[in-house]
Protein backbone atom coordinates (compact mmCIF):
# COMPACT_ATOMS: atom_id res chain seq x y z
CA UNK A 1 -6.89 -12.90 10.35
CA UNK A 2 -7.24 -16.28 8.56
CA UNK A 3 -9.72 -14.82 5.88
CA UNK A 4 -7.15 -11.81 5.43
CA UNK A 5 -4.25 -14.28 5.16
CA UNK A 6 -6.30 -16.42 2.36
CA UNK A 7 -7.05 -13.05 0.66
CA UNK A 8 -3.35 -12.23 0.77
CA UNK A 9 -2.51 -15.62 -0.76
CA UNK A 10 -4.96 -15.20 -3.47
CA UNK A 11 -3.24 -12.00 -4.57
CA UNK A 12 0.22 -13.66 -4.18
CA UNK A 13 2.03 -10.53 -3.52
CA UNK A 14 4.86 -12.23 -1.77
CA UNK A 15 5.20 -14.84 -4.65
CA UNK A 16 5.33 -11.83 -7.27
CA UNK A 17 8.09 -10.20 -5.13
CA UNK A 18 10.02 -13.51 -5.18
CA UNK A 19 9.78 -14.26 -8.92
CA UNK A 20 10.58 -10.80 -9.92
CA UNK A 21 13.53 -10.76 -7.58
CA UNK A 22 14.74 -14.05 -8.82
CA UNK A 23 13.99 -13.15 -12.45
CA UNK A 24 16.20 -10.02 -11.98
CA UNK A 25 18.89 -12.38 -10.59
CA UNK A 26 18.96 -10.54 -7.13
CA UNK A 27 19.66 -11.81 -3.83
CA UNK A 28 17.62 -10.91 -0.72
CA UNK A 29 20.40 -8.90 0.44
CA UNK A 30 20.67 -7.05 -2.97
CA UNK A 31 16.90 -6.13 -2.71
CA UNK A 32 17.62 -5.10 1.07
CA UNK A 33 20.32 -2.90 0.02
CA UNK A 34 18.07 -1.43 -2.86
CA UNK A 35 15.19 -0.81 -0.76
CA UNK A 36 16.55 -0.09 2.87
CA UNK A 37 14.38 -2.96 4.18
CA UNK A 38 15.93 -5.66 6.16
CA UNK A 39 16.24 -9.11 4.71
CA UNK A 40 14.01 -10.66 7.42
CA UNK A 41 11.21 -8.41 6.53
CA UNK A 42 11.63 -9.13 2.90
CA UNK A 43 11.77 -12.60 3.47
CA UNK A 44 8.50 -12.54 5.61
CA UNK A 45 6.88 -10.54 2.49
CA UNK A 46 8.01 -13.14 -0.07
CA UNK A 47 6.35 -16.02 2.37
CA UNK A 48 3.25 -14.05 2.78
CA UNK A 49 3.81 -13.64 6.52
CA UNK A 50 3.48 -9.93 6.46
CA UNK A 51 1.39 -7.69 4.11
CA UNK A 52 3.35 -4.97 3.08
CA UNK A 53 2.04 -1.30 3.15
CA UNK A 54 1.64 0.79 0.18
CA UNK A 55 4.72 2.78 0.81
CA UNK A 56 6.98 -0.44 1.11
CA UNK A 57 5.47 -2.08 -2.01
CA UNK A 58 6.36 1.28 -3.81
CA UNK A 59 10.04 0.90 -2.49
CA UNK A 60 10.13 -2.57 -3.65
CA UNK A 61 8.51 -2.03 -7.06
CA UNK A 62 11.10 0.78 -7.66
CA UNK A 63 14.04 -1.38 -6.72
CA UNK A 64 12.61 -4.09 -8.98
CA UNK A 65 11.98 -1.41 -11.66
CA UNK A 66 8.16 -2.54 -12.34
CA UNK A 67 5.03 -0.38 -11.61
CA UNK A 68 3.18 -0.86 -8.28
CA UNK A 69 0.15 -2.29 -9.97
CA UNK A 70 2.14 -5.49 -10.85
CA UNK A 71 1.26 -6.86 -7.49
CA UNK A 72 -2.26 -6.10 -7.78
CA UNK A 73 -2.81 -7.78 -11.56
CA UNK A 74 -3.59 -11.23 -12.82
CA UNK A 75 -0.67 -12.82 -14.56
CA UNK A 76 -2.46 -13.74 -17.67
CA UNK A 77 -4.98 -10.84 -17.40
CA UNK A 78 -5.75 -9.25 -20.98
CA UNK A 79 -8.78 -7.38 -19.91
CA UNK A 80 -9.27 -3.76 -20.69
CA UNK A 81 -12.13 -3.16 -18.22
CA UNK A 82 -12.44 -4.68 -14.78
CA UNK A 83 -15.41 -4.55 -12.49
CA UNK A 84 -14.68 -5.02 -8.75
CA UNK A 85 -17.86 -5.91 -6.80
CA UNK A 86 -18.02 -4.53 -3.27
CA UNK A 87 -18.14 -7.99 -1.95
CA UNK A 88 -14.90 -9.01 -4.16
CA UNK A 89 -12.67 -6.28 -2.70
CA UNK A 90 -9.37 -7.85 -1.32
CA UNK A 91 -8.49 -6.56 2.24
CA UNK A 92 -5.11 -6.14 3.03
CA UNK A 93 -4.29 -5.64 6.89
CA UNK A 94 -0.47 -5.04 7.74
CA UNK A 95 0.74 -7.05 10.65
CA UNK A 96 3.11 -5.33 13.27
CA UNK A 97 6.78 -6.05 12.87
CA UNK A 98 9.58 -4.80 15.09
CA UNK A 99 10.92 -2.76 11.98
CA UNK A 100 7.45 -0.98 11.50
CA UNK A 101 4.88 0.64 13.78
CA UNK A 102 1.51 -0.79 14.24
CA UNK A 103 -0.31 0.14 11.03
CA UNK A 104 -3.00 2.79 11.11
CA UNK A 105 -5.11 1.57 8.17
CA UNK A 106 -6.13 -1.35 6.11
CA UNK A 107 -6.36 -1.14 2.29
CA UNK A 108 -8.42 -2.94 -0.46
CA UNK A 109 -7.46 -2.91 -4.09
CA UNK A 110 -10.20 -1.39 -6.31
CA UNK A 111 -8.63 -2.55 -9.66
CA UNK A 112 -6.82 -5.74 -8.96
CA UNK A 113 -6.58 -8.05 -12.11
CA UNK A 114 -6.19 -5.26 -14.64
CA UNK A 115 -2.64 -5.12 -16.23
CA UNK A 116 -0.77 -2.20 -17.53
CA UNK A 117 -2.58 0.72 -15.64
CA UNK A 118 -0.99 3.94 -14.53
CA UNK A 119 -2.82 4.49 -11.24
CA UNK A 120 -3.62 2.32 -8.43
CA UNK A 121 -6.96 3.01 -6.46
CA UNK A 122 -7.68 1.54 -3.07
CA UNK A 123 -10.44 1.88 -0.65
CA UNK A 124 -8.62 2.84 2.64
CA UNK A 125 -10.11 2.25 6.27
CA UNK A 126 -7.96 4.10 8.95
CA UNK A 127 -7.70 3.33 12.55
CA UNK A 128 -7.76 5.68 15.36
CA UNK A 129 -4.38 6.11 17.23
CA UNK A 130 -1.80 8.15 18.61
CA UNK A 131 0.39 10.09 15.82
CA UNK A 132 3.89 9.15 15.72
CA UNK A 133 6.56 10.43 13.44
CA UNK A 134 7.41 6.93 12.45
CA UNK A 135 4.02 6.74 10.62
CA UNK A 136 5.40 9.06 8.15
CA UNK A 137 6.26 7.65 4.62
CA UNK A 138 7.79 9.00 1.42
CA UNK A 139 8.16 7.25 -2.09
CA UNK A 140 8.22 8.56 -5.72
CA UNK A 141 4.90 9.65 -7.43
CA UNK A 142 1.94 11.50 -6.48
CA UNK A 143 -1.21 10.63 -4.32
CA UNK A 144 -4.84 11.72 -4.17
CA UNK A 145 -7.16 11.13 -1.37
CA UNK A 146 -11.00 11.68 -1.08
CA UNK A 147 -12.39 11.10 2.44
CA UNK A 148 -15.79 9.49 2.58
CA UNK A 149 -16.55 9.36 6.20
CA UNK A 150 -14.96 10.07 9.62
CA UNK A 151 -12.22 12.79 10.34
CA UNK A 152 -8.62 12.18 9.29
CA UNK A 153 -5.36 13.86 10.37
CA UNK A 154 -2.82 14.36 7.40
CA UNK A 155 0.93 15.03 8.27
CA UNK A 156 2.54 16.48 5.26
CA UNK A 157 5.95 17.62 5.78
CA UNK A 158 5.74 20.13 8.73
CA UNK A 159 1.81 20.63 8.21
CA UNK A 160 -1.07 18.87 9.97
CA UNK A 161 -4.14 19.25 7.89
CA UNK A 162 -7.45 18.18 9.33
CA UNK A 163 -9.80 16.48 6.85
CA UNK A 164 -13.66 16.02 7.08
CA UNK A 165 -16.21 14.01 4.70
CA UNK A 166 -16.02 15.32 1.26
CA UNK A 167 -12.55 16.89 1.48
CA UNK A 168 -9.81 15.63 -0.89
CA UNK A 169 -5.92 16.18 -0.97
CA UNK A 170 -3.67 15.75 -3.95
CA UNK A 171 0.00 15.73 -3.12
CA UNK A 172 3.60 14.88 -4.07
CA UNK A 173 4.33 11.68 -2.39
CA UNK A 174 8.08 12.11 -2.26
CA UNK A 175 7.38 14.49 0.77
CA UNK A 176 7.14 12.77 4.05
CA UNK A 177 3.44 12.15 5.00
CA UNK A 178 1.33 9.95 6.98
CA UNK A 179 -2.45 9.83 7.95
CA UNK A 180 -4.37 8.84 11.31
CA UNK A 181 -7.88 8.71 12.21
CA UNK A 182 -8.98 11.47 14.76
CA UNK A 183 -11.34 9.58 16.67
CA UNK A 184 -12.61 5.86 17.07
CA UNK A 185 -15.37 5.00 14.54
CA UNK A 186 -15.42 4.41 10.79
CA UNK A 187 -12.91 6.40 8.86
CA UNK A 188 -12.79 5.57 5.02
CA UNK A 189 -11.41 7.19 2.13
CA UNK A 190 -10.79 6.48 -1.46
CA UNK A 191 -6.87 6.74 -2.51
CA UNK A 192 -5.35 6.79 -5.81
CA UNK A 193 -1.48 6.42 -6.07
CA UNK A 194 0.45 7.30 -9.30
CA UNK A 195 4.07 6.10 -9.28
CA UNK A 196 6.32 7.78 -11.68
CA UNK A 197 8.30 5.80 -14.04
């Protein structure tokens, strides 16, 4: 957990959320109202005590009127090409909070540091568990996922789709959706999120 906490501090997602909120002269309560997230949760995110899931980051980015990639870019970066080595990926594991169920995945940003990109690619490691409707999320934009290994269950609206290695799915993220690994063992996918302006 300490390594993960250090990696999150290095990305400074919480600090970026706080700076953007303060720059836009929003109180925690105003951001809470705009996102539907509680003030304590937002405070924990800003203080790097909680790693927000992607859907939560998307809600925050929409409320702050910034792109999702804002949280994964270097503030002074001007590069137009970024190579992320396998041993340099930044792992993000959500911690359980009373407001959110135990997370079914860990995600790694695959293009952190690059500014002004329109897509956000991740390597996602899914954990096996029991499906719960509370795992469903929705956010503006579109999502693409390519399953590398394992077996994955995608809940999309009222559908349940089973994915095997080599399968891919592209969907509208504004529909309620969620994933869970079907069995213990390694389940990995490459996911690309696109958030509409």
